[in-house]
Amino acid sequence: MDSNKYVAHCGLYCRLCDAIARIPPQSKALLETLKRGGWKDFGEKLFPDFEAFWSVLEKLGRFDETMKACTGGCGDPSCKIRVCASGRGIAVCSSCPDYPCDLIEEFAEKYPIILDFGRDQQEIGLEAWIQKQEELCRSGFAYGDIFFEGKEDRD
């Protein structure tokens, strides 16, 4: 696996995003439970929008296969960090001589751990840092464990 493709410009590791780490296996598990329970046949009778739900659930189950890493297209294409890094020809912001810049510090207000990631990437090198992230992947950790902990519903 080319794990470099999962490092976003800002320094997050995309395989630890809930959209890749958690949602696909949970969606697949729910879909399998619904299939075994016969919901494909009678779900529409109970819920008029069931077909749309089923379709979304199938797509979410493949999200880890279809979603591109942040450097390859996931997320906001007009992200200021992405635009800056791309313009400078920098794959990961921690390799920029201006790191941490105002853009990263502003991002760190919402995701403070990003500064620790950048320092770690600089200290041990990107490849060693990626290996640490892969260990976290194998442990079942995902960013949702820390980024949204204790936050109220975002409805």
N, C-alpha and C. Protein backbone atom coordinates (compact mmCIF):
# COMPACT_ATOMS: atom_id res chain seq x y z
N MET A 1 0.85 -1.18 0.00
CA MET A 1 0.00 0.00 0.00
C MET A 1 0.89 1.25 0.00
N ASP A 2 0.57 2.21 -0.84
CA ASP A 2 1.29 3.47 -0.86
C ASP A 2 0.67 4.38 0.18
N SER A 3 1.18 4.31 1.41
CA SER A 3 0.57 5.06 2.51
C SER A 3 0.85 6.55 2.41
N ASN A 4 1.84 6.97 1.59
CA ASN A 4 2.08 8.40 1.41
C ASN A 4 0.87 9.10 0.85
N LYS A 5 0.08 8.39 0.05
CA LYS A 5 -1.09 9.03 -0.56
C LYS A 5 -2.16 9.38 0.48
N TYR A 6 -2.02 8.86 1.68
CA TYR A 6 -3.00 9.14 2.73
C TYR A 6 -2.59 10.29 3.64
N VAL A 7 -1.47 10.95 3.35
CA VAL A 7 -1.04 12.09 4.15
C VAL A 7 -1.55 13.35 3.46
N ALA A 8 -2.44 14.05 4.13
CA ALA A 8 -2.98 15.30 3.60
C ALA A 8 -1.93 16.40 3.74
N HIS A 9 -2.07 17.44 2.95
CA HIS A 9 -1.12 18.55 3.02
C HIS A 9 -0.97 19.08 4.44
N CYS A 10 -2.08 19.18 5.15
CA CYS A 10 -2.06 19.74 6.51
C CYS A 10 -1.34 18.84 7.50
N GLY A 11 -1.20 17.55 7.17
CA GLY A 11 -0.51 16.63 8.05
C GLY A 11 -1.40 15.60 8.70
N LEU A 12 -2.69 15.63 8.41
CA LEU A 12 -3.57 14.58 8.90
C LEU A 12 -3.33 13.31 8.08
N TYR A 13 -3.64 12.16 8.67
CA TYR A 13 -3.51 10.88 7.98
C TYR A 13 -4.91 10.40 7.64
N CYS A 14 -5.25 10.41 6.37
CA CYS A 14 -6.62 10.19 5.91
C CYS A 14 -7.19 8.82 6.28
N ARG A 15 -6.35 7.81 6.44
CA ARG A 15 -6.87 6.49 6.80
C ARG A 15 -7.41 6.48 8.24
N LEU A 16 -7.15 7.52 9.00
CA LEU A 16 -7.67 7.61 10.36
C LEU A 16 -8.96 8.44 10.43
N CYS A 17 -9.41 8.91 9.28
CA CYS A 17 -10.68 9.63 9.22
C CYS A 17 -11.82 8.63 9.36
N ASP A 18 -12.85 8.99 10.08
CA ASP A 18 -13.99 8.10 10.26
C ASP A 18 -14.59 7.67 8.92
N ALA A 19 -14.50 8.55 7.91
CA ALA A 19 -15.07 8.24 6.59
C ALA A 19 -14.36 7.06 5.93
N ILE A 20 -13.16 6.76 6.35
CA ILE A 20 -12.42 5.62 5.81
C ILE A 20 -12.30 4.52 6.86
N ALA A 21 -11.99 4.90 8.09
CA ALA A 21 -11.70 3.91 9.14
C ALA A 21 -12.93 3.24 9.74
N ARG A 22 -14.02 3.96 9.85
CA ARG A 22 -15.17 3.43 10.58
C ARG A 22 -16.43 3.24 9.75
N ILE A 23 -16.77 4.24 8.95
CA ILE A 23 -18.05 4.21 8.26
C ILE A 23 -18.20 3.03 7.31
N PRO A 24 -17.19 2.72 6.48
CA PRO A 24 -17.37 1.57 5.57
C PRO A 24 -17.63 0.24 6.29
N PRO A 25 -16.82 -0.15 7.28
CA PRO A 25 -17.11 -1.44 7.91
C PRO A 25 -18.45 -1.46 8.66
N GLN A 26 -18.80 -0.34 9.28
CA GLN A 26 -20.08 -0.30 9.99
C GLN A 26 -21.24 -0.33 9.02
N SER A 27 -21.10 0.35 7.88
CA SER A 27 -22.15 0.33 6.87
C SER A 27 -22.31 -1.06 6.28
N LYS A 28 -21.19 -1.72 6.00
CA LYS A 28 -21.23 -3.08 5.47
C LYS A 28 -21.91 -4.03 6.47
N ALA A 29 -21.59 -3.86 7.75
CA ALA A 29 -22.18 -4.73 8.77
C ALA A 29 -23.69 -4.51 8.85
N LEU A 30 -24.13 -3.24 8.83
CA LEU A 30 -25.56 -2.97 8.88
C LEU A 30 -26.25 -3.50 7.63
N LEU A 31 -25.65 -3.31 6.48
CA LEU A 31 -26.22 -3.81 5.23
C LEU A 31 -26.37 -5.33 5.27
N GLU A 32 -25.36 -6.00 5.77
CA GLU A 32 -25.43 -7.47 5.87
C GLU A 32 -26.53 -7.90 6.84
N THR A 33 -26.66 -7.21 7.96
CA THR A 33 -27.72 -7.51 8.92
C THR A 33 -29.10 -7.31 8.28
N LEU A 34 -29.25 -6.21 7.55
CA LEU A 34 -30.52 -5.94 6.88
C LEU A 34 -30.82 -6.98 5.80
N LYS A 35 -29.80 -7.39 5.06
CA LYS A 35 -29.99 -8.41 4.03
C LYS A 35 -30.45 -9.72 4.66
N ARG A 36 -29.75 -10.14 5.73
CA ARG A 36 -30.13 -11.39 6.40
C ARG A 36 -31.54 -11.32 6.97
N GLY A 37 -31.97 -10.13 7.36
CA GLY A 37 -33.30 -9.95 7.95
C GLY A 37 -34.40 -9.75 6.92
N GLY A 38 -34.05 -9.76 5.62
CA GLY A 38 -35.05 -9.63 4.58
C GLY A 38 -35.50 -8.21 4.28
N TRP A 39 -34.80 -7.23 4.80
CA TRP A 39 -35.19 -5.84 4.63
C TRP A 39 -35.17 -5.39 3.18
N LYS A 40 -34.35 -5.99 2.35
CA LYS A 40 -34.31 -5.62 0.93
C LYS A 40 -35.69 -5.84 0.31
N ASP A 41 -36.42 -6.84 0.80
CA ASP A 41 -37.73 -7.18 0.24
C ASP A 41 -38.87 -6.35 0.83
N PHE A 42 -38.80 -6.03 2.13
CA PHE A 42 -39.96 -5.37 2.73
C PHE A 42 -39.67 -3.98 3.32
N GLY A 43 -38.44 -3.53 3.25
CA GLY A 43 -38.10 -2.22 3.83
C GLY A 43 -38.90 -1.08 3.25
N GLU A 44 -39.14 -1.12 1.94
CA GLU A 44 -39.89 -0.06 1.25
C GLU A 44 -41.33 -0.01 1.74
N LYS A 45 -41.86 -1.14 2.18
CA LYS A 45 -43.24 -1.17 2.67
C LYS A 45 -43.37 -0.43 4.01
N LEU A 46 -42.30 -0.46 4.78
CA LEU A 46 -42.32 0.21 6.08
C LEU A 46 -41.85 1.66 6.00
N PHE A 47 -40.91 1.90 5.11
CA PHE A 47 -40.32 3.24 4.98
C PHE A 47 -40.29 3.63 3.51
N PRO A 48 -41.06 4.62 3.11
CA PRO A 48 -41.12 5.01 1.69
C PRO A 48 -39.77 5.38 1.08
N ASP A 49 -38.86 5.89 1.88
CA ASP A 49 -37.54 6.30 1.37
C ASP A 49 -36.49 5.21 1.54
N PHE A 50 -36.91 3.99 1.76
CA PHE A 50 -35.97 2.92 2.06
C PHE A 50 -34.97 2.68 0.93
N GLU A 51 -35.41 2.74 -0.32
CA GLU A 51 -34.50 2.50 -1.44
C GLU A 51 -33.35 3.51 -1.45
N ALA A 52 -33.66 4.75 -1.16
CA ALA A 52 -32.62 5.78 -1.10
C ALA A 52 -31.65 5.48 0.05
N PHE A 53 -32.20 5.08 1.19
CA PHE A 53 -31.37 4.70 2.34
C PHE A 53 -30.47 3.53 1.97
N TRP A 54 -31.02 2.52 1.32
CA TRP A 54 -30.27 1.32 0.92
C TRP A 54 -29.11 1.72 -0.01
N SER A 55 -29.41 2.59 -0.96
CA SER A 55 -28.39 3.05 -1.91
C SER A 55 -27.26 3.78 -1.20
N VAL A 56 -27.60 4.67 -0.29
CA VAL A 56 -26.59 5.41 0.46
C VAL A 56 -25.76 4.44 1.31
N LEU A 57 -26.41 3.49 1.94
CA LEU A 57 -25.71 2.52 2.77
C LEU A 57 -24.71 1.71 1.94
N GLU A 58 -25.10 1.32 0.74
CA GLU A 58 -24.18 0.60 -0.15
C GLU A 58 -22.98 1.47 -0.52
N LYS A 59 -23.23 2.74 -0.81
CA LYS A 59 -22.14 3.66 -1.17
C LYS A 59 -21.21 3.90 0.01
N LEU A 60 -21.79 4.05 1.20
CA LEU A 60 -20.96 4.24 2.39
C LEU A 60 -20.10 3.01 2.66
N GLY A 61 -20.62 1.84 2.35
CA GLY A 61 -19.86 0.60 2.54
C GLY A 61 -18.65 0.50 1.64
N ARG A 62 -18.64 1.28 0.55
CA ARG A 62 -17.51 1.28 -0.38
C ARG A 62 -16.70 2.58 -0.29
N PHE A 63 -17.00 3.39 0.69
CA PHE A 63 -16.37 4.70 0.79
C PHE A 63 -14.85 4.61 0.87
N ASP A 64 -14.35 3.60 1.57
CA ASP A 64 -12.90 3.45 1.69
C ASP A 64 -12.24 3.10 0.36
N GLU A 65 -13.01 2.59 -0.58
CA GLU A 65 -12.49 2.25 -1.91
C GLU A 65 -12.64 3.42 -2.87
N THR A 66 -13.64 4.24 -2.66
CA THR A 66 -13.97 5.29 -3.63
C THR A 66 -13.51 6.68 -3.22
N MET A 67 -13.30 6.90 -1.94
CA MET A 67 -12.91 8.23 -1.46
C MET A 67 -11.42 8.44 -1.70
N LYS A 68 -11.09 9.58 -2.24
CA LYS A 68 -9.68 9.91 -2.48
C LYS A 68 -9.11 10.55 -1.23
N ALA A 69 -7.82 10.37 -1.04
CA ALA A 69 -7.15 11.02 0.07
C ALA A 69 -7.17 12.53 -0.14
N CYS A 70 -7.00 13.28 0.92
CA CYS A 70 -7.13 14.74 0.85
C CYS A 70 -6.21 15.37 -0.19
N THR A 71 -5.03 14.82 -0.37
CA THR A 71 -4.12 15.39 -1.36
C THR A 71 -4.57 15.03 -2.77
N GLY A 72 -5.43 14.04 -2.90
CA GLY A 72 -5.87 13.62 -4.21
C GLY A 72 -7.28 14.05 -4.57
N GLY A 73 -7.97 14.74 -3.72
CA GLY A 73 -9.28 15.21 -4.12
C GLY A 73 -10.34 15.22 -3.05
N CYS A 74 -10.15 14.56 -1.94
CA CYS A 74 -11.15 14.56 -0.88
C CYS A 74 -11.14 15.93 -0.20
N GLY A 75 -12.25 16.32 0.29
CA GLY A 75 -12.31 17.59 1.01
C GLY A 75 -12.55 18.76 0.08
N ASP A 76 -12.43 19.91 0.62
CA ASP A 76 -12.70 21.16 -0.08
C ASP A 76 -11.56 21.50 -1.04
N PRO A 77 -11.83 21.52 -2.35
CA PRO A 77 -10.76 21.83 -3.31
C PRO A 77 -10.20 23.25 -3.15
N SER A 78 -10.99 24.13 -2.52
CA SER A 78 -10.50 25.50 -2.32
C SER A 78 -9.86 25.69 -0.94
N CYS A 79 -9.60 24.58 -0.25
CA CYS A 79 -8.94 24.65 1.07
C CYS A 79 -7.66 25.49 0.93
N LYS A 80 -7.54 26.51 1.75
CA LYS A 80 -6.39 27.42 1.66
C LYS A 80 -5.08 26.69 1.89
N ILE A 81 -5.09 25.70 2.78
CA ILE A 81 -3.87 24.93 3.04
C ILE A 81 -3.49 24.13 1.81
N ARG A 82 -4.46 23.47 1.21
CA ARG A 82 -4.20 22.69 -0.01
C ARG A 82 -3.69 23.58 -1.13
N VAL A 83 -4.34 24.72 -1.33
CA VAL A 83 -3.96 25.64 -2.40
C VAL A 83 -2.53 26.13 -2.18
N CYS A 84 -2.22 26.51 -0.95
CA CYS A 84 -0.88 27.01 -0.63
C CYS A 84 0.18 25.92 -0.86
N ALA A 85 -0.05 24.74 -0.30
CA ALA A 85 0.93 23.65 -0.43
C ALA A 85 1.12 23.26 -1.89
N SER A 86 0.02 23.15 -2.62
CA SER A 86 0.12 22.81 -4.04
C SER A 86 0.89 23.88 -4.81
N GLY A 87 0.61 25.12 -4.50
CA GLY A 87 1.29 26.23 -5.16
C GLY A 87 2.78 26.26 -4.88
N ARG A 88 3.15 25.79 -3.70
CA ARG A 88 4.57 25.77 -3.34
C ARG A 88 5.25 24.45 -3.73
N GLY A 89 4.44 23.51 -4.21
CA GLY A 89 5.00 22.20 -4.57
C GLY A 89 5.39 21.37 -3.36
N ILE A 90 4.65 21.58 -2.28
CA ILE A 90 4.95 20.88 -1.02
C ILE A 90 3.87 19.83 -0.78
N ALA A 91 4.30 18.60 -0.52
CA ALA A 91 3.34 17.52 -0.28
C ALA A 91 2.74 17.63 1.12
N VAL A 92 3.56 17.95 2.11
CA VAL A 92 3.10 18.02 3.50
C VAL A 92 3.66 19.31 4.12
N CYS A 93 2.78 20.07 4.73
CA CYS A 93 3.15 21.39 5.25
C CYS A 93 4.33 21.36 6.21
N SER A 94 4.50 20.29 6.95
CA SER A 94 5.59 20.23 7.92
C SER A 94 6.96 20.31 7.24
N SER A 95 7.02 20.09 5.93
CA SER A 95 8.29 20.21 5.22
C SER A 95 8.53 21.62 4.69
N CYS A 96 7.59 22.52 4.91
CA CYS A 96 7.72 23.91 4.45
C CYS A 96 8.61 24.69 5.42
N PRO A 97 9.49 25.54 4.89
CA PRO A 97 10.34 26.34 5.78
C PRO A 97 9.55 27.33 6.64
N ASP A 98 8.32 27.64 6.24
CA ASP A 98 7.48 28.58 7.00
C ASP A 98 6.56 27.89 8.00
N TYR A 99 6.75 26.58 8.20
CA TYR A 99 5.87 25.83 9.12
C TYR A 99 6.21 26.15 10.56
N PRO A 100 5.24 26.33 11.41
CA PRO A 100 3.81 26.43 11.17
C PRO A 100 3.44 27.86 10.78
N CYS A 101 2.72 27.97 9.72
CA CYS A 101 2.30 29.28 9.21
C CYS A 101 0.94 29.66 9.81
N ASP A 102 0.45 30.80 9.42
CA ASP A 102 -0.85 31.27 9.92
C ASP A 102 -1.99 30.32 9.55
N LEU A 103 -1.91 29.74 8.35
CA LEU A 103 -2.97 28.82 7.91
C LEU A 103 -3.03 27.58 8.81
N ILE A 104 -1.87 27.02 9.11
CA ILE A 104 -1.82 25.83 9.98
C ILE A 104 -2.24 26.21 11.39
N GLU A 105 -1.79 27.34 11.87
CA GLU A 105 -2.16 27.75 13.23
C GLU A 105 -3.66 28.01 13.35
N GLU A 106 -4.25 28.55 12.30
CA GLU A 106 -5.70 28.74 12.30
C GLU A 106 -6.42 27.39 12.29
N PHE A 107 -5.93 26.45 11.48
CA PHE A 107 -6.49 25.10 11.43
C PHE A 107 -6.34 24.42 12.79
N ALA A 108 -5.22 24.67 13.47
CA ALA A 108 -4.94 24.07 14.77
C ALA A 108 -5.90 24.55 15.86
N GLU A 109 -6.56 25.68 15.63
CA GLU A 109 -7.55 26.13 16.61
C GLU A 109 -8.69 25.13 16.71
N LYS A 110 -9.02 24.50 15.60
CA LYS A 110 -10.07 23.48 15.59
C LYS A 110 -9.50 22.09 15.86
N TYR A 111 -8.31 21.83 15.34
CA TYR A 111 -7.66 20.52 15.48
C TYR A 111 -6.25 20.72 16.06
N PRO A 112 -6.15 20.96 17.37
CA PRO A 112 -4.85 21.28 17.97
C PRO A 112 -3.77 20.21 17.76
N ILE A 113 -4.18 18.99 17.59
CA ILE A 113 -3.21 17.90 17.45
C ILE A 113 -2.38 18.04 16.17
N ILE A 114 -2.85 18.85 15.22
CA ILE A 114 -2.14 18.99 13.95
C ILE A 114 -0.73 19.54 14.16
N LEU A 115 -0.54 20.40 15.14
CA LEU A 115 0.80 20.93 15.43
C LEU A 115 1.71 19.84 15.97
N ASP A 116 1.18 18.96 16.81
CA ASP A 116 1.97 17.83 17.30
C ASP A 116 2.35 16.91 16.15
N PHE A 117 1.40 16.69 15.23
CA PHE A 117 1.70 15.84 14.06
C PHE A 117 2.84 16.44 13.26
N GLY A 118 2.78 17.74 13.01
CA GLY A 118 3.82 18.40 12.23
C GLY A 118 5.18 18.32 12.88
N ARG A 119 5.22 18.56 14.19
CA ARG A 119 6.50 18.46 14.90
C ARG A 119 7.03 17.03 14.85
N ASP A 120 6.13 16.06 15.03
CA ASP A 120 6.52 14.66 14.98
C ASP A 120 7.04 14.30 13.58
N GLN A 121 6.37 14.78 12.55
CA GLN A 121 6.81 14.52 11.17
C GLN A 121 8.22 15.09 10.95
N GLN A 122 8.48 16.27 11.51
CA GLN A 122 9.80 16.89 11.35
C GLN A 122 10.86 16.14 12.15
N GLU A 123 10.51 15.69 13.36
CA GLU A 123 11.50 15.05 14.24
C GLU A 123 11.86 13.64 13.79
N ILE A 124 10.87 12.82 13.47
CA ILE A 124 11.18 11.41 13.16
C ILE A 124 11.15 11.11 11.67
N GLY A 125 10.70 12.06 10.89
CA GLY A 125 10.61 11.86 9.45
C GLY A 125 9.23 11.35 9.06
N LEU A 126 8.85 11.66 7.85
CA LEU A 126 7.50 11.33 7.39
C LEU A 126 7.25 9.82 7.35
N GLU A 127 8.21 9.05 6.87
CA GLU A 127 8.01 7.60 6.76
C GLU A 127 7.78 6.96 8.13
N ALA A 128 8.58 7.33 9.11
CA ALA A 128 8.40 6.79 10.47
C ALA A 128 7.07 7.24 11.05
N TRP A 129 6.69 8.49 10.77
CA TRP A 129 5.41 8.99 11.26
C TRP A 129 4.25 8.21 10.63
N ILE A 130 4.36 7.92 9.34
CA ILE A 130 3.32 7.14 8.66
C ILE A 130 3.19 5.76 9.31
N GLN A 131 4.31 5.16 9.65
CA GLN A 131 4.26 3.84 10.31
C GLN A 131 3.51 3.93 11.64
N LYS A 132 3.72 5.01 12.38
CA LYS A 132 2.98 5.21 13.63
C LYS A 132 1.48 5.33 13.35
N GLN A 133 1.12 6.02 12.26
CA GLN A 133 -0.29 6.18 11.93
C GLN A 133 -0.89 4.83 11.52
N GLU A 134 -0.13 4.03 10.81
CA GLU A 134 -0.61 2.70 10.41
C GLU A 134 -0.83 1.82 11.64
N GLU A 135 0.01 1.96 12.65
CA GLU A 135 -0.21 1.23 13.91
C GLU A 135 -1.53 1.67 14.54
N LEU A 136 -1.80 2.96 14.52
CA LEU A 136 -3.07 3.46 15.04
C LEU A 136 -4.25 2.88 14.24
N CYS A 137 -4.09 2.79 12.92
CA CYS A 137 -5.14 2.19 12.08
C CYS A 137 -5.43 0.77 12.54
N ARG A 138 -4.38 0.00 12.75
CA ARG A 138 -4.55 -1.40 13.15
C ARG A 138 -5.18 -1.51 14.55
N SER A 139 -5.00 -0.48 15.37
CA SER A 139 -5.56 -0.53 16.73
C SER A 139 -7.05 -0.20 16.76
N GLY A 140 -7.57 0.34 15.64
CA GLY A 140 -8.99 0.71 15.60
C GLY A 140 -9.25 2.17 15.92
N PHE A 141 -8.20 2.93 16.16
CA PHE A 141 -8.33 4.36 16.44
C PHE A 141 -8.79 5.10 15.20
N ALA A 142 -9.56 6.16 15.39
CA ALA A 142 -9.94 7.07 14.32
C ALA A 142 -10.02 8.47 14.92
N TYR A 143 -9.84 9.49 14.06
CA TYR A 143 -9.83 10.87 14.54
C TYR A 143 -11.10 11.26 15.29
N GLY A 144 -12.21 10.65 14.95
CA GLY A 144 -13.45 10.95 15.65
C GLY A 144 -13.34 10.71 17.15
N ASP A 145 -12.39 9.85 17.55
CA ASP A 145 -12.19 9.56 18.97
C ASP A 145 -11.71 10.79 19.74
N ILE A 146 -11.01 11.68 19.04
CA ILE A 146 -10.48 12.85 19.74
C ILE A 146 -11.06 14.17 19.24
N PHE A 147 -11.38 14.28 17.96
CA PHE A 147 -11.83 15.55 17.41
C PHE A 147 -13.24 15.91 17.82
N PHE A 148 -14.10 14.94 17.98
CA PHE A 148 -15.50 15.25 18.23
C PHE A 148 -15.95 14.75 19.60
N GLU A 149 -15.02 14.34 20.41
CA GLU A 149 -15.29 13.83 21.74
C GLU A 149 -16.00 14.90 22.58
N GLY A 150 -17.14 14.54 23.09
CA GLY A 150 -17.86 15.44 23.98
C GLY A 150 -18.58 16.59 23.29
N LYS A 151 -18.54 16.64 21.98
CA LYS A 151 -19.25 17.70 21.26
C LYS A 151 -20.71 17.32 21.11
N GLU A 152 -21.56 18.32 21.16
CA GLU A 152 -22.99 18.07 20.98
C GLU A 152 -23.27 17.68 19.54
N ASP A 153 -24.43 17.15 19.33
CA ASP A 153 -24.86 16.79 17.99
C ASP A 153 -24.68 17.98 17.05
N ARG A 154 -24.24 17.73 15.82
CA ARG A 154 -23.96 18.81 14.88
C ARG A 154 -25.14 19.08 13.95
N ASP A 155 -26.34 18.72 14.33
CA ASP A 155 -27.51 18.92 13.46
C ASP A 155 -27.75 20.35 13.14
